[in-house]
Amino acid sequence: MLRVRDLSVRFGDVQAVEQLSFDVGEKQIVGLVGSNGAGKTTTLSAISALVKNRSGRIELDGKDISRLPPHKVVELGLIHVPEGRRLFPFMSVLENLEIGAYGKAARGRRRQQLEFIFDLLPRLAERRDQLAGTLSGGEQQMCAIGRGLMSCPRLLMLDEPTLGLAPMLVEEVFRLVKVIRDQGVPILIVEQQVVHVLETADYAYVLESGRGAMHGLGATLLRDDGLRRAYLGI
């Protein structure tokens, strides 16, 4: 599925990501966790070709995508739901969702995907004609994830999907992540909700200053004393 090897990204004199390697397999939820500035969002942006990687190799289904432009990455089915939702506030929920189906493959499955999303997220069906900017924070996040699913992803990348949400909605987002995985879409998730990620992820990587500090099964990392002291205050 997704294979990242020795990824490095630099912004001027700042080394944001350095020699980072990880994998996302079929039917997996893989988490990237770490403190602010650890390089998590930069990693997703480099995979999506939104920022240039200084070195390293990125493969999707065995194909080298390291030098492809962003729209070509999307056409291959690697879909990035960015931090902050970034909906079009003066367009309806339905219009925001339909924008996600602009790729050639997705256009042919637009109706099918829309039915799937409305079945998965019935609140969006109820709000389909409402302006996206008037939705609650949780509803906006669901709309952003739904827009990503409209692209018929081979792999879905979620950047801080629970940012600013109430605890009950955080639980709902992680429930949704599991459902999407169970529908056959692997997920790479970046989050600061370390406990939720490790409880949910099949595998996880901990980043520190742009480097991979540790990795393992989510449940195994959750029991690691060093990680618990560093990120959970235990």
C-alpha atoms as a PDB file:
ATOM      1  CA  MET A   1       0.000   0.000   0.000  1.00  0.00           C
ATOM      2  CA  LEU A   2       1.957   3.087   1.219  1.00  0.00           C
ATOM      3  CA  ARG A   3       5.695   2.796   1.756  1.00  0.00           C
ATOM      4  CA  VAL A   4       7.800   5.767   2.920  1.00  0.00           C
ATOM      5  CA  ARG A   5      11.565   5.417   3.099  1.00  0.00           C
ATOM      6  CA  ASP A   6      14.131   7.908   4.449  1.00  0.00           C
ATOM      7  CA  LEU A   7      11.856  10.921   3.939  1.00  0.00           C
ATOM      8  CA  SER A   8      13.506  14.259   4.675  1.00  0.00           C
ATOM      9  CA  VAL A   9      11.959  17.727   4.388  1.00  0.00           C
ATOM     10  CA  ARG A  10      13.733  21.022   5.033  1.00  0.00           C
ATOM     11  CA  PHE A  11      12.367  24.568   5.237  1.00  0.00           C
ATOM     12  CA  GLY A  12      15.367  26.830   4.809  1.00  0.00           C
ATOM     13  CA  ASP A  13      17.697  25.994   7.683  1.00  0.00           C
ATOM     14  CA  VAL A  14      15.026  24.021   9.552  1.00  0.00           C
ATOM     15  CA  GLN A  15      15.015  20.238   9.188  1.00  0.00           C
ATOM     16  CA  ALA A  16      11.305  19.464   9.637  1.00  0.00           C
ATOM     17  CA  VAL A  17      11.481  15.738   8.849  1.00  0.00           C
ATOM     18  CA  GLU A  18      14.645  13.645   8.806  1.00  0.00           C
ATOM     19  CA  GLN A  19      15.160  10.117   7.479  1.00  0.00           C
ATOM     20  CA  LEU A  20      11.619   9.015   8.363  1.00  0.00           C
ATOM     21  CA  SER A  21      10.415   5.576   7.261  1.00  0.00           C
ATOM     22  CA  PHE A  22       7.073   3.868   7.797  1.00  0.00           C
ATOM     23  CA  ASP A  23       4.423   1.723   6.096  1.00  0.00           C
ATOM     24  CA  VAL A  24       0.639   1.606   5.852  1.00  0.00           C
ATOM     25  CA  GLY A  25      -0.756  -1.770   4.862  1.00  0.00           C
ATOM     26  CA  GLU A  26      -4.078  -2.855   3.418  1.00  0.00           C
ATOM     27  CA  LYS A  27      -6.979  -2.600   5.897  1.00  0.00           C
ATOM     28  CA  GLN A  28      -4.806  -0.822   8.465  1.00  0.00           C
ATOM     29  CA  ILE A  29      -5.194   2.249  10.621  1.00  0.00           C
ATOM     30  CA  VAL A  30      -1.723   3.684  11.171  1.00  0.00           C
ATOM     31  CA  GLY A  31      -1.124   6.587  13.535  1.00  0.00           C
ATOM     32  CA  LEU A  32       1.582   9.249  13.570  1.00  0.00           C
ATOM     33  CA  VAL A  33       1.786  10.811  17.020  1.00  0.00           C
ATOM     34  CA  GLY A  34       4.083  13.324  18.646  1.00  0.00           C
ATOM     35  CA  SER A  35       4.200  16.790  20.141  1.00  0.00           C
ATOM     36  CA  ASN A  36       3.664  20.054  18.258  1.00  0.00           C
ATOM     37  CA  GLY A  37       6.477  20.602  15.781  1.00  0.00           C
ATOM     38  CA  ALA A  38       7.377  16.915  15.584  1.00  0.00           C
ATOM     39  CA  GLY A  39       6.876  16.877  11.808  1.00  0.00           C
ATOM     40  CA  LYS A  40       3.559  15.055  11.578  1.00  0.00           C
ATOM     41  CA  THR A  41       1.678  17.509   9.346  1.00  0.00           C
ATOM     42  CA  THR A  42       4.780  18.111   7.221  1.00  0.00           C
ATOM     43  CA  THR A  43       4.988  14.373   6.624  1.00  0.00           C
ATOM     44  CA  LEU A  44       1.439  14.239   5.274  1.00  0.00           C
ATOM     45  CA  SER A  45       2.059  17.330   3.151  1.00  0.00           C
ATOM     46  CA  ALA A  46       5.176  15.741   1.658  1.00  0.00           C
ATOM     47  CA  ILE A  47       3.296  12.542   0.820  1.00  0.00           C
ATOM     48  CA  SER A  48       0.577  14.639  -0.864  1.00  0.00           C
ATOM     49  CA  ALA A  49       3.260  16.636  -2.747  1.00  0.00           C
ATOM     50  CA  LEU A  50       2.086  19.873  -1.121  1.00  0.00           C
ATOM     51  CA  VAL A  51       5.661  20.416   0.046  1.00  0.00           C
ATOM     52  CA  LYS A  52       8.801  19.119  -1.623  1.00  0.00           C
ATOM     53  CA  ASN A  53      10.746  16.377   0.056  1.00  0.00           C
ATOM     54  CA  ARG A  54      14.500  16.927   0.112  1.00  0.00           C
ATOM     55  CA  SER A  55      15.187  13.221  -0.216  1.00  0.00           C
ATOM     56  CA  GLY A  56      13.581   9.834   0.239  1.00  0.00           C
ATOM     57  CA  ARG A  57      11.130   7.641  -1.612  1.00  0.00           C
ATOM     58  CA  ILE A  58       7.336   7.424  -1.378  1.00  0.00           C
ATOM     59  CA  GLU A  59       5.531   4.491  -2.982  1.00  0.00           C
ATOM     60  CA  LEU A  60       1.811   3.798  -3.361  1.00  0.00           C
ATOM     61  CA  ASP A  61       0.983   0.238  -4.411  1.00  0.00           C
ATOM     62  CA  GLY A  62       4.599  -0.182  -5.482  1.00  0.00           C
ATOM     63  CA  LYS A  63       4.599   2.938  -7.698  1.00  0.00           C
ATOM     64  CA  ASP A  64       7.098   5.699  -6.944  1.00  0.00           C
ATOM     65  CA  ILE A  65       5.080   8.893  -6.388  1.00  0.00           C
ATOM     66  CA  SER A  66       7.927  10.929  -4.882  1.00  0.00           C
ATOM     67  CA  ARG A  67       8.092  13.427  -7.753  1.00  0.00           C
ATOM     68  CA  LEU A  68       4.461  13.532  -8.867  1.00  0.00           C
ATOM     69  CA  PRO A  69       2.465  16.791  -8.656  1.00  0.00           C
ATOM     70  CA  PRO A  70      -0.429  16.917  -6.151  1.00  0.00           C
ATOM     71  CA  HIS A  71      -3.231  16.300  -8.678  1.00  0.00           C
ATOM     72  CA  LYS A  72      -1.518  13.154  -9.929  1.00  0.00           C
ATOM     73  CA  VAL A  73      -1.192  11.879  -6.365  1.00  0.00           C
ATOM     74  CA  VAL A  74      -4.938  12.418  -5.909  1.00  0.00           C
ATOM     75  CA  GLU A  75      -5.700  10.610  -9.160  1.00  0.00           C
ATOM     76  CA  LEU A  76      -3.881   7.562  -7.790  1.00  0.00           C
ATOM     77  CA  GLY A  77      -6.275   7.549  -4.825  1.00  0.00           C
ATOM     78  CA  LEU A  78      -4.155   9.055  -2.054  1.00  0.00           C
ATOM     79  CA  ILE A  79      -6.531  11.552  -0.413  1.00  0.00           C
ATOM     80  CA  HIS A  80      -5.531  14.093   2.233  1.00  0.00           C
ATOM     81  CA  VAL A  81      -8.112  15.618   4.610  1.00  0.00           C
ATOM     82  CA  PRO A  82      -6.188  18.622   5.971  1.00  0.00           C
ATOM     83  CA  GLU A  83      -6.163  20.110   9.440  1.00  0.00           C
ATOM     84  CA  GLY A  84      -8.833  22.764   9.933  1.00  0.00           C
ATOM     85  CA  ARG A  85     -11.469  21.161   7.624  1.00  0.00           C
ATOM     86  CA  ARG A  86     -11.114  23.871   4.935  1.00  0.00           C
ATOM     87  CA  LEU A  87     -14.655  23.651   3.665  1.00  0.00           C
ATOM     88  CA  PHE A  88     -16.177  26.239   1.357  1.00  0.00           C
ATOM     89  CA  PRO A  89     -18.359  28.021   3.945  1.00  0.00           C
ATOM     90  CA  PHE A  90     -20.773  29.705   1.503  1.00  0.00           C
ATOM     91  CA  MET A  91     -21.472  26.503  -0.396  1.00  0.00           C
ATOM     92  CA  SER A  92     -23.911  23.838   0.723  1.00  0.00           C
ATOM     93  CA  VAL A  93     -22.934  20.534   2.298  1.00  0.00           C
ATOM     94  CA  LEU A  94     -23.890  18.766  -0.923  1.00  0.00           C
ATOM     95  CA  GLU A  95     -21.773  21.129  -3.040  1.00  0.00           C
ATOM     96  CA  ASN A  96     -18.778  20.642  -0.746  1.00  0.00           C
ATOM     97  CA  LEU A  97     -19.137  16.880  -1.028  1.00  0.00           C
ATOM     98  CA  GLU A  98     -19.484  16.951  -4.808  1.00  0.00           C
ATOM     99  CA  ILE A  99     -16.245  18.937  -5.121  1.00  0.00           C
ATOM    100  CA  GLY A 100     -14.500  15.867  -3.725  1.00  0.00           C
ATOM    101  CA  ALA A 101     -15.563  13.868  -6.789  1.00  0.00           C
ATOM    102  CA  TYR A 102     -13.741  15.979  -9.385  1.00  0.00           C
ATOM    103  CA  GLY A 103     -11.288  13.233 -10.422  1.00  0.00           C
ATOM    104  CA  LYS A 104     -12.085  11.122 -13.470  1.00  0.00           C
ATOM    105  CA  ALA A 105     -12.560   7.864 -11.576  1.00  0.00           C
ATOM    106  CA  ALA A 106     -14.573   9.535  -8.820  1.00  0.00           C
ATOM    107  CA  ARG A 107     -16.905  11.363 -11.220  1.00  0.00           C
ATOM    108  CA  GLY A 108     -18.199   8.076 -12.555  1.00  0.00           C
ATOM    109  CA  ARG A 109     -19.044   6.886  -9.037  1.00  0.00           C
ATOM    110  CA  ARG A 110     -20.382  10.168  -7.659  1.00  0.00           C
ATOM    111  CA  ARG A 111     -23.948   8.987  -7.010  1.00  0.00           C
ATOM    112  CA  GLN A 112     -22.788   5.708  -5.489  1.00  0.00           C
ATOM    113  CA  GLN A 113     -20.312   7.433  -3.174  1.00  0.00           C
ATOM    114  CA  LEU A 114     -22.844  10.064  -2.161  1.00  0.00           C
ATOM    115  CA  GLU A 115     -25.327   7.373  -1.142  1.00  0.00           C
ATOM    116  CA  PHE A 116     -22.582   5.603   0.804  1.00  0.00           C
ATOM    117  CA  ILE A 117     -21.603   8.803   2.650  1.00  0.00           C
ATOM    118  CA  PHE A 118     -25.187   9.760   3.485  1.00  0.00           C
ATOM    119  CA  ASP A 119     -25.732   6.247   4.819  1.00  0.00           C
ATOM    120  CA  LEU A 120     -22.494   6.438   6.823  1.00  0.00           C
ATOM    121  CA  LEU A 121     -23.133  10.012   8.018  1.00  0.00           C
ATOM    122  CA  PRO A 122     -26.911  10.557   8.101  1.00  0.00           C
ATOM    123  CA  ARG A 123     -26.502  14.001   9.691  1.00  0.00           C
ATOM    124  CA  LEU A 124     -24.930  15.199   6.432  1.00  0.00           C
ATOM    125  CA  ALA A 125     -27.972  13.951   4.529  1.00  0.00           C
ATOM    126  CA  GLU A 126     -30.178  16.002   6.856  1.00  0.00           C
ATOM    127  CA  ARG A 127     -27.960  19.068   6.308  1.00  0.00           C
ATOM    128  CA  ARG A 128     -27.322  18.574   2.584  1.00  0.00           C
ATOM    129  CA  ASP A 129     -28.758  21.961   1.580  1.00  0.00           C
ATOM    130  CA  GLN A 130     -27.340  23.886   4.551  1.00  0.00           C
ATOM    131  CA  LEU A 131     -24.346  26.198   4.113  1.00  0.00           C
ATOM    132  CA  ALA A 132     -21.215  24.442   5.337  1.00  0.00           C
ATOM    133  CA  GLY A 133     -20.144  27.500   7.324  1.00  0.00           C
ATOM    134  CA  THR A 134     -23.244  27.229   9.533  1.00  0.00           C
ATOM    135  CA  LEU A 135     -22.538  23.651  10.625  1.00  0.00           C
ATOM    136  CA  SER A 136     -21.240  22.811  14.079  1.00  0.00           C
ATOM    137  CA  GLY A 137     -17.552  21.953  14.411  1.00  0.00           C
ATOM    138  CA  GLY A 138     -18.271  18.238  14.535  1.00  0.00           C
ATOM    139  CA  GLU A 139     -20.542  18.410  11.502  1.00  0.00           C
ATOM    140  CA  GLN A 140     -17.903  20.355   9.570  1.00  0.00           C
ATOM    141  CA  GLN A 141     -15.331  17.674  10.341  1.00  0.00           C
ATOM    142  CA  MET A 142     -17.713  14.952   9.164  1.00  0.00           C
ATOM    143  CA  CYS A 143     -18.292  16.940   5.978  1.00  0.00           C
ATOM    144  CA  ALA A 144     -14.545  17.243   5.404  1.00  0.00           C
ATOM    145  CA  ILE A 145     -14.090  13.494   5.851  1.00  0.00           C
ATOM    146  CA  GLY A 146     -17.092  12.865   3.597  1.00  0.00           C
ATOM    147  CA  ARG A 147     -15.561  15.094   0.915  1.00  0.00           C
ATOM    148  CA  GLY A 148     -12.390  13.006   1.118  1.00  0.00           C
ATOM    149  CA  LEU A 149     -14.404   9.807   0.717  1.00  0.00           C
ATOM    150  CA  MET A 150     -16.103  11.241  -2.379  1.00  0.00           C
ATOM    151  CA  SER A 151     -12.705  10.941  -4.109  1.00  0.00           C
ATOM    152  CA  CYS A 152     -12.898   7.117  -3.845  1.00  0.00           C
ATOM    153  CA  PRO A 153      -9.622   6.900  -1.900  1.00  0.00           C
ATOM    154  CA  ARG A 154      -7.220   4.008  -2.010  1.00  0.00           C
ATOM    155  CA  LEU A 155      -5.827   5.486   1.208  1.00  0.00           C
ATOM    156  CA  LEU A 156      -7.217   8.299   3.366  1.00  0.00           C
ATOM    157  CA  MET A 157      -4.915  10.618   5.328  1.00  0.00           C
ATOM    158  CA  LEU A 158      -6.481  12.548   8.208  1.00  0.00           C
ATOM    159  CA  ASP A 159      -4.640  15.484   9.783  1.00  0.00           C
ATOM    160  CA  GLU A 160      -5.818  16.337  13.322  1.00  0.00           C
ATOM    161  CA  PRO A 161      -9.481  15.375  12.684  1.00  0.00           C
ATOM    162  CA  THR A 162     -10.496  15.925  16.322  1.00  0.00           C
ATOM    163  CA  LEU A 163      -8.910  19.367  16.727  1.00  0.00           C
ATOM    164  CA  GLY A 164     -11.225  21.616  18.769  1.00  0.00           C
ATOM    165  CA  LEU A 165     -13.953  19.000  19.187  1.00  0.00           C
ATOM    166  CA  ALA A 166     -15.762  18.113  22.415  1.00  0.00           C
ATOM    167  CA  PRO A 167     -14.870  14.727  23.975  1.00  0.00           C
ATOM    168  CA  MET A 168     -18.103  13.101  22.798  1.00  0.00           C
ATOM    169  CA  LEU A 169     -17.373  14.140  19.213  1.00  0.00           C
ATOM    170  CA  VAL A 170     -13.787  12.913  19.513  1.00  0.00           C
ATOM    171  CA  GLU A 171     -15.181   9.461  20.298  1.00  0.00           C
ATOM    172  CA  GLU A 172     -17.471   9.703  17.263  1.00  0.00           C
ATOM    173  CA  VAL A 173     -14.583  10.598  14.933  1.00  0.00           C
ATOM    174  CA  PHE A 174     -12.560   7.587  16.056  1.00  0.00           C
ATOM    175  CA  ARG A 175     -15.604   5.338  15.691  1.00  0.00           C
ATOM    176  CA  LEU A 176     -15.948   6.632  12.140  1.00  0.00           C
ATOM    177  CA  VAL A 177     -12.259   5.970  11.446  1.00  0.00           C
ATOM    178  CA  LYS A 178     -12.766   2.314  12.356  1.00  0.00           C
ATOM    179  CA  VAL A 179     -15.869   2.036  10.176  1.00  0.00           C
ATOM    180  CA  ILE A 180     -14.039   3.506   7.170  1.00  0.00           C
ATOM    181  CA  ARG A 181     -11.164   1.041   7.675  1.00  0.00           C
ATOM    182  CA  ASP A 182     -13.650  -1.812   7.911  1.00  0.00           C
ATOM    183  CA  GLN A 183     -15.119  -0.675   4.576  1.00  0.00           C
ATOM    184  CA  GLY A 184     -11.719  -1.369   3.004  1.00  0.00           C
ATOM    185  CA  VAL A 185     -10.071   2.077   3.086  1.00  0.00           C
ATOM    186  CA  PRO A 186      -6.738   2.173   4.972  1.00  0.00           C
ATOM    187  CA  ILE A 187      -6.140   5.278   7.067  1.00  0.00           C
ATOM    188  CA  LEU A 188      -3.028   7.237   8.044  1.00  0.00           C
ATOM    189  CA  ILE A 189      -3.990   9.528  10.910  1.00  0.00           C
ATOM    190  CA  VAL A 190      -2.025  12.364  12.510  1.00  0.00           C
ATOM    191  CA  GLU A 191      -3.296  13.277  15.974  1.00  0.00           C
ATOM    192  CA  GLN A 192      -2.361  14.719  19.339  1.00  0.00           C
ATOM    193  CA  GLN A 193      -5.036  12.596  21.014  1.00  0.00           C
ATOM    194  CA  VAL A 194      -2.369  10.003  21.755  1.00  0.00           C
ATOM    195  CA  VAL A 195      -4.510   7.619  23.812  1.00  0.00           C
ATOM    196  CA  HIS A 196      -7.309   7.525  21.247  1.00  0.00           C
ATOM    197  CA  VAL A 197      -4.875   6.954  18.392  1.00  0.00           C
ATOM    198  CA  LEU A 198      -3.051   4.131  20.147  1.00  0.00           C
ATOM    199  CA  GLU A 199      -6.318   2.500  21.185  1.00  0.00           C
ATOM    200  CA  THR A 200      -7.594   2.697  17.610  1.00  0.00           C
ATOM    201  CA  ALA A 201      -4.528   2.183  15.408  1.00  0.00           C
ATOM    202  CA  ASP A 202      -3.304  -1.189  14.254  1.00  0.00           C
ATOM    203  CA  TYR A 203       0.206   0.259  14.241  1.00  0.00           C
ATOM    204  CA  ALA A 204       1.697   3.596  15.245  1.00  0.00           C
ATOM    205  CA  TYR A 205       4.864   5.659  14.913  1.00  0.00           C
ATOM    206  CA  VAL A 206       6.043   8.242  17.440  1.00  0.00           C
ATOM    207  CA  LEU A 207       7.842  11.277  15.969  1.00  0.00           C
ATOM    208  CA  GLU A 208      10.276  13.507  17.831  1.00  0.00           C
ATOM    209  CA  SER A 209      11.910  16.493  16.100  1.00  0.00           C
ATOM    210  CA  GLY A 210      11.134  15.057  12.680  1.00  0.00           C
ATOM    211  CA  ARG A 211      12.580  11.630  13.407  1.00  0.00           C
ATOM    212  CA  GLY A 212      10.944   8.323  14.185  1.00  0.00           C
ATOM    213  CA  ALA A 213      11.484   7.746  17.917  1.00  0.00           C
ATOM    214  CA  MET A 214       9.620   4.462  18.345  1.00  0.00           C
ATOM    215  CA  HIS A 215       7.002   2.350  16.644  1.00  0.00           C
ATOM    216  CA  GLY A 216       4.895  -0.701  17.320  1.00  0.00           C
ATOM    217  CA  LEU A 217       1.397  -2.016  17.809  1.00  0.00           C
ATOM    218  CA  GLY A 218      -0.880   0.660  19.222  1.00  0.00           C
ATOM    219  CA  ALA A 219      -1.717  -1.374  22.329  1.00  0.00           C
ATOM    220  CA  THR A 220       1.975  -2.131  22.935  1.00  0.00           C
ATOM    221  CA  LEU A 221       3.007   1.530  22.714  1.00  0.00           C
ATOM    222  CA  LEU A 222       0.188   2.486  25.068  1.00  0.00           C
ATOM    223  CA  ARG A 223       1.834   0.336  27.741  1.00  0.00           C
ATOM    224  CA  ASP A 224       5.302   1.824  27.180  1.00  0.00           C
ATOM    225  CA  ASP A 225       6.399   3.656  30.341  1.00  0.00           C
ATOM    226  CA  GLY A 226       8.551   6.196  28.486  1.00  0.00           C
ATOM    227  CA  LEU A 227       5.758   7.153  26.122  1.00  0.00           C
ATOM    228  CA  ARG A 228       3.246   7.358  28.967  1.00  0.00           C
ATOM    229  CA  ARG A 229       5.509   9.754  30.873  1.00  0.00           C
ATOM    230  CA  ALA A 230       6.279  11.875  27.785  1.00  0.00           C
ATOM    231  CA  TYR A 231       2.785  12.216  26.345  1.00  0.00           C
ATOM    232  CA  LEU A 232       0.268  11.177  28.974  1.00  0.00           C
ATOM    233  CA  GLY A 233       1.838  12.638  32.107  1.00  0.00           C
ATOM    234  CA  ILE A 234       1.754   9.247  33.826  1.00  0.00           C
END
